[in-house]
Amino acid sequence: MAQAENLLIQQLPKVARKRLLDQCEPFELVLSTELSVRGQPLSHAYFPRTGFISLVVDVDTHPALEVGMAGRETMLGAELVLGLSKTPWRALVQGPGHSWRIPAKALRKECTANPPLQQVMQTSLLVRLHQQTLAAACERFHMLGPRLARWLLMSLDRAEADSFHVTQEFMALLLGVRRVGVTEAASKFQTGGLIVYHRGEITVLDRSGLEAEACSCYAADRQLYAELSAAEP
């Protein structure tokens, strides 16, 4: 069975893809690892092949809040195409897996010499900006249950499996709410036969039912990445 590849890398023409991969190294995405720190320069960019990463913001004494995800459909570090290296969020590995990693300095240099790479990175960054705007509106206007359903579906898509590991504490962290709220919403989904949750392992039994519970932001998020996939380098 062929190893999964990052979809941005797959979009590149053969020569541009080889130029990039010649400068990358395999990197293991270990659960809960912090790949970037708020306000500190990015040392590397990451192209997930499997697994996924959460972008989390901390504001004063409020609970942390997830404002984006990066799986094999995109990358971590697209800001480097603009010459930026510091970010307002932390990047945490939410789903373990494999990725390609490249030093930030090498990626900036390659963007200048490799126009197709520059274009897919710019498109990826634009999609993430839309995603973060959507996440802010979702957190403000939508109830916890639909938000949790959306988050579970987004995680499921990036895990590319029917189940994945996550604790209720981590879900509460990423959704910016108290654990009791997540417990109540998840219990409702489990009672309704949509999911099974046991010892940190979530299995989705009824995907269509969970999609019916999710807020409209889930469909909007999928549309954003469909546009990214259709973009021509």
Protein backbone atom coordinates (compact mmCIF):
# COMPACT_ATOMS: atom_id res chain seq x y z
CA MET A 1 0.00 0.00 0.00
CA ALA A 2 1.43 3.40 -1.01
CA GLN A 3 2.30 5.83 1.77
CA ALA A 4 -0.09 8.78 2.10
CA GLU A 5 1.26 12.07 0.78
CA ASN A 6 0.53 15.65 1.64
CA LEU A 7 -2.05 17.00 -0.81
CA LEU A 8 -0.29 20.34 -1.31
CA ILE A 9 2.86 18.51 -2.32
CA GLN A 10 0.83 16.31 -4.67
CA GLN A 11 -0.48 19.45 -6.39
CA LEU A 12 3.03 20.54 -7.38
CA PRO A 13 4.41 19.72 -10.83
CA LYS A 14 6.90 16.85 -10.76
CA VAL A 15 10.03 19.03 -10.94
CA ALA A 16 8.79 21.47 -8.29
CA ARG A 17 7.78 18.57 -6.04
CA LYS A 18 11.24 16.99 -6.28
CA ARG A 19 12.96 20.31 -5.54
CA LEU A 20 10.94 20.66 -2.35
CA LEU A 21 11.24 17.06 -1.15
CA ASP A 22 15.01 17.09 -1.69
CA GLN A 23 15.18 19.65 1.13
CA CYS A 24 12.66 17.99 3.46
CA GLU A 25 13.17 15.31 6.09
CA PRO A 26 10.65 12.83 7.54
CA PHE A 27 9.27 14.00 10.88
CA GLU A 28 7.09 12.05 13.33
CA LEU A 29 4.03 13.89 14.65
CA VAL A 30 3.81 12.81 18.30
CA LEU A 31 0.52 13.39 20.15
CA SER A 32 0.42 16.66 22.17
CA THR A 33 3.82 17.87 20.89
CA GLU A 34 4.02 21.66 20.58
CA LEU A 35 5.46 22.46 17.15
CA SER A 36 5.40 26.22 17.49
CA VAL A 37 5.16 28.70 20.35
CA ARG A 38 3.13 31.91 20.30
CA GLY A 39 5.25 34.94 19.54
CA GLN A 40 8.39 32.95 18.73
CA PRO A 41 9.79 32.49 15.20
CA LEU A 42 8.90 29.28 13.39
CA SER A 43 11.98 27.12 13.06
CA HIS A 44 10.40 24.72 10.53
CA ALA A 45 7.40 24.23 8.31
CA TYR A 46 5.49 20.94 8.31
CA PHE A 47 3.59 19.11 5.58
CA PRO A 48 1.49 16.42 7.33
CA ARG A 49 1.11 13.11 5.48
CA THR A 50 -1.00 11.50 8.19
CA GLY A 51 -2.17 12.91 11.50
CA PHE A 52 -3.17 16.52 12.13
CA ILE A 53 -2.29 19.66 14.07
CA SER A 54 -4.43 22.13 16.04
CA LEU A 55 -3.79 25.88 16.08
CA VAL A 56 -4.63 27.20 19.55
CA VAL A 57 -4.77 30.79 20.84
CA ASP A 58 -4.41 31.93 24.46
CA VAL A 59 -5.99 35.22 25.51
CA ASP A 60 -5.26 36.56 29.00
CA THR A 61 -6.70 34.21 31.63
CA HIS A 62 -9.42 32.79 29.37
CA PRO A 63 -9.41 29.12 28.30
CA ALA A 64 -7.38 28.38 25.18
CA LEU A 65 -9.35 28.13 21.93
CA GLU A 66 -8.71 26.25 18.70
CA VAL A 67 -8.86 28.50 15.62
CA GLY A 68 -7.75 26.04 12.93
CA MET A 69 -6.52 22.59 11.95
CA ALA A 70 -3.80 21.42 9.61
CA GLY A 71 -3.89 17.92 8.17
CA ARG A 72 -2.60 16.41 4.96
CA GLU A 73 -4.80 18.81 2.99
CA THR A 74 -2.58 21.75 3.95
CA MET A 75 0.57 22.69 5.89
CA LEU A 76 1.89 24.39 9.01
CA GLY A 77 4.03 27.44 8.28
CA ALA A 78 2.40 28.99 5.22
CA GLU A 79 3.07 32.41 6.81
CA LEU A 80 6.69 32.01 5.76
CA VAL A 81 5.71 32.78 2.16
CA LEU A 82 4.98 36.34 3.33
CA GLY A 83 8.28 36.65 5.15
CA LEU A 84 6.57 36.22 8.54
CA SER A 85 7.89 33.80 11.12
CA LYS A 86 6.03 34.66 14.35
CA THR A 87 2.44 33.54 14.90
CA PRO A 88 -0.26 34.48 17.46
CA TRP A 89 -1.09 30.81 18.12
CA ARG A 90 0.47 27.59 19.36
CA ALA A 91 0.54 24.51 17.15
CA LEU A 92 -0.23 21.23 18.97
CA VAL A 93 -0.24 17.75 17.45
CA GLN A 94 -3.81 16.54 17.89
CA GLY A 95 -3.57 13.37 15.80
CA PRO A 96 -0.27 11.45 15.66
CA GLY A 97 1.19 10.61 12.28
CA HIS A 98 3.95 11.41 9.80
CA SER A 99 5.01 14.57 8.01
CA TRP A 100 7.70 16.22 5.96
CA ARG A 101 9.68 18.96 7.73
CA ILE A 102 11.79 21.72 6.20
CA PRO A 103 13.78 24.53 7.91
CA ALA A 104 12.06 27.91 7.68
CA LYS A 105 15.06 29.55 6.01
CA ALA A 106 15.26 26.82 3.36
CA LEU A 107 11.53 27.10 2.62
CA ARG A 108 11.71 30.87 2.16
CA LYS A 109 14.59 30.45 -0.26
CA GLU A 110 12.79 27.69 -2.15
CA CYS A 111 9.63 29.81 -2.50
CA THR A 112 11.65 32.42 -4.39
CA ALA A 113 13.10 29.83 -6.78
CA ASN A 114 10.00 27.65 -7.06
CA PRO A 115 6.91 29.69 -8.18
CA PRO A 116 4.48 26.70 -8.10
CA LEU A 117 5.38 26.12 -4.45
CA GLN A 118 4.87 29.79 -3.68
CA GLN A 119 1.42 29.69 -5.25
CA VAL A 120 0.15 26.64 -3.35
CA MET A 121 1.47 28.13 -0.10
CA GLN A 122 -0.32 31.42 -0.77
CA THR A 123 -3.55 29.55 -1.49
CA SER A 124 -3.14 27.48 1.67
CA LEU A 125 -2.61 30.62 3.75
CA LEU A 126 -5.70 32.29 2.27
CA VAL A 127 -7.85 29.24 3.04
CA ARG A 128 -6.56 29.16 6.63
CA LEU A 129 -7.39 32.85 7.09
CA HIS A 130 -10.94 32.09 5.95
CA GLN A 131 -11.04 29.09 8.30
CA GLN A 132 -9.92 31.16 11.29
CA THR A 133 -12.51 33.84 10.53
CA LEU A 134 -15.17 31.13 10.34
CA ALA A 135 -13.98 29.64 13.64
CA ALA A 136 -14.32 33.01 15.39
CA ALA A 137 -17.88 33.47 14.14
CA CYS A 138 -18.75 29.86 15.02
CA GLU A 139 -17.50 30.27 18.60
CA ARG A 140 -19.55 33.46 19.01
CA PHE A 141 -22.87 32.42 17.48
CA HIS A 142 -23.24 28.62 17.60
CA MET A 143 -24.18 26.39 20.53
CA LEU A 144 -21.72 23.90 21.98
CA GLY A 145 -23.46 20.75 20.67
CA PRO A 146 -23.31 21.75 16.97
CA ARG A 147 -19.76 23.07 17.46
CA LEU A 148 -18.66 19.77 19.01
CA ALA A 149 -20.24 17.83 16.13
CA ARG A 150 -18.38 20.03 13.67
CA TRP A 151 -15.10 19.55 15.51
CA LEU A 152 -15.53 15.76 15.67
CA LEU A 153 -16.21 15.61 11.93
CA MET A 154 -13.22 17.82 11.10
CA SER A 155 -10.99 15.60 13.25
CA LEU A 156 -12.46 12.47 11.68
CA ASP A 157 -11.75 13.78 8.18
CA ARG A 158 -8.12 14.43 9.04
CA ALA A 159 -7.66 11.17 10.96
CA GLU A 160 -9.04 9.37 7.86
CA ALA A 161 -10.51 6.70 10.16
CA ASP A 162 -13.75 5.99 12.02
CA SER A 163 -12.10 6.56 15.40
CA PHE A 164 -9.36 8.61 17.03
CA HIS A 165 -7.98 9.27 20.49
CA VAL A 166 -8.85 12.44 22.39
CA THR A 167 -9.62 13.24 26.02
CA GLN A 168 -12.56 15.32 27.19
CA GLU A 169 -10.08 17.74 28.73
CA PHE A 170 -8.45 18.26 25.34
CA MET A 171 -11.82 18.71 23.60
CA ALA A 172 -12.78 21.32 26.19
CA LEU A 173 -9.45 23.08 25.65
CA LEU A 174 -9.85 23.21 21.88
CA LEU A 175 -13.46 24.39 22.05
CA GLY A 176 -12.74 26.97 24.75
CA VAL A 177 -15.35 25.63 27.20
CA ARG A 178 -15.54 23.81 30.53
CA ARG A 179 -15.20 20.04 30.53
CA VAL A 180 -18.73 19.56 31.92
CA GLY A 181 -20.17 21.12 28.76
CA VAL A 182 -18.27 18.71 26.52
CA THR A 183 -19.33 15.78 28.72
CA GLU A 184 -23.02 16.69 28.38
CA ALA A 185 -22.86 17.23 24.61
CA ALA A 186 -20.85 14.05 23.99
CA SER A 187 -23.24 12.05 26.21
CA LYS A 188 -26.15 13.25 24.07
CA PHE A 189 -24.40 12.05 20.90
CA GLN A 190 -23.60 8.71 22.53
CA THR A 191 -27.17 8.20 23.76
CA GLY A 192 -28.39 8.99 20.26
CA GLY A 193 -26.17 6.28 18.80
CA LEU A 194 -23.95 8.72 16.90
CA ILE A 195 -20.69 7.99 18.71
CA VAL A 196 -19.09 5.70 21.27
CA TYR A 197 -16.64 7.23 23.73
CA HIS A 198 -14.55 5.00 26.00
CA ARG A 199 -11.21 5.65 27.71
CA GLY A 200 -10.34 8.56 25.42
CA GLU A 201 -11.23 6.73 22.20
CA ILE A 202 -14.04 8.20 20.08
CA THR A 203 -15.66 6.06 17.40
CA VAL A 204 -18.26 7.57 15.08
CA LEU A 205 -21.10 5.12 14.42
CA ASP A 206 -23.43 7.36 12.42
CA ARG A 207 -21.58 9.94 10.36
CA SER A 208 -24.68 11.26 8.55
CA GLY A 209 -26.42 11.69 11.90
CA LEU A 210 -23.45 13.61 13.26
CA GLU A 211 -23.41 15.80 10.15
CA ALA A 212 -27.07 16.61 10.81
CA GLU A 213 -26.12 17.77 14.32
CA ALA A 214 -23.18 19.91 13.15
CA CYS A 215 -23.45 23.64 12.54
CA SER A 216 -23.26 25.05 9.01
CA CYS A 217 -19.57 25.87 9.51
CA TYR A 218 -18.64 22.24 8.83
CA ALA A 219 -19.97 22.38 5.26
CA ALA A 220 -18.32 25.78 4.80
CA ASP A 221 -14.99 24.36 5.99
CA ARG A 222 -15.19 21.46 3.54
CA GLN A 223 -15.95 23.90 0.73
CA LEU A 224 -12.86 25.93 1.58
CA TYR A 225 -10.62 22.88 1.24
CA ALA A 226 -12.40 21.75 -1.92
CA GLU A 227 -11.43 25.10 -3.42
CA LEU A 228 -7.87 24.62 -2.23
CA SER A 229 -7.70 21.18 -3.85
CA ALA A 230 -9.04 22.61 -7.12
CA ALA A 231 -6.49 25.44 -7.22
CA GLU A 232 -3.97 25.21 -10.07
CA PRO A 233 -0.32 25.67 -9.09
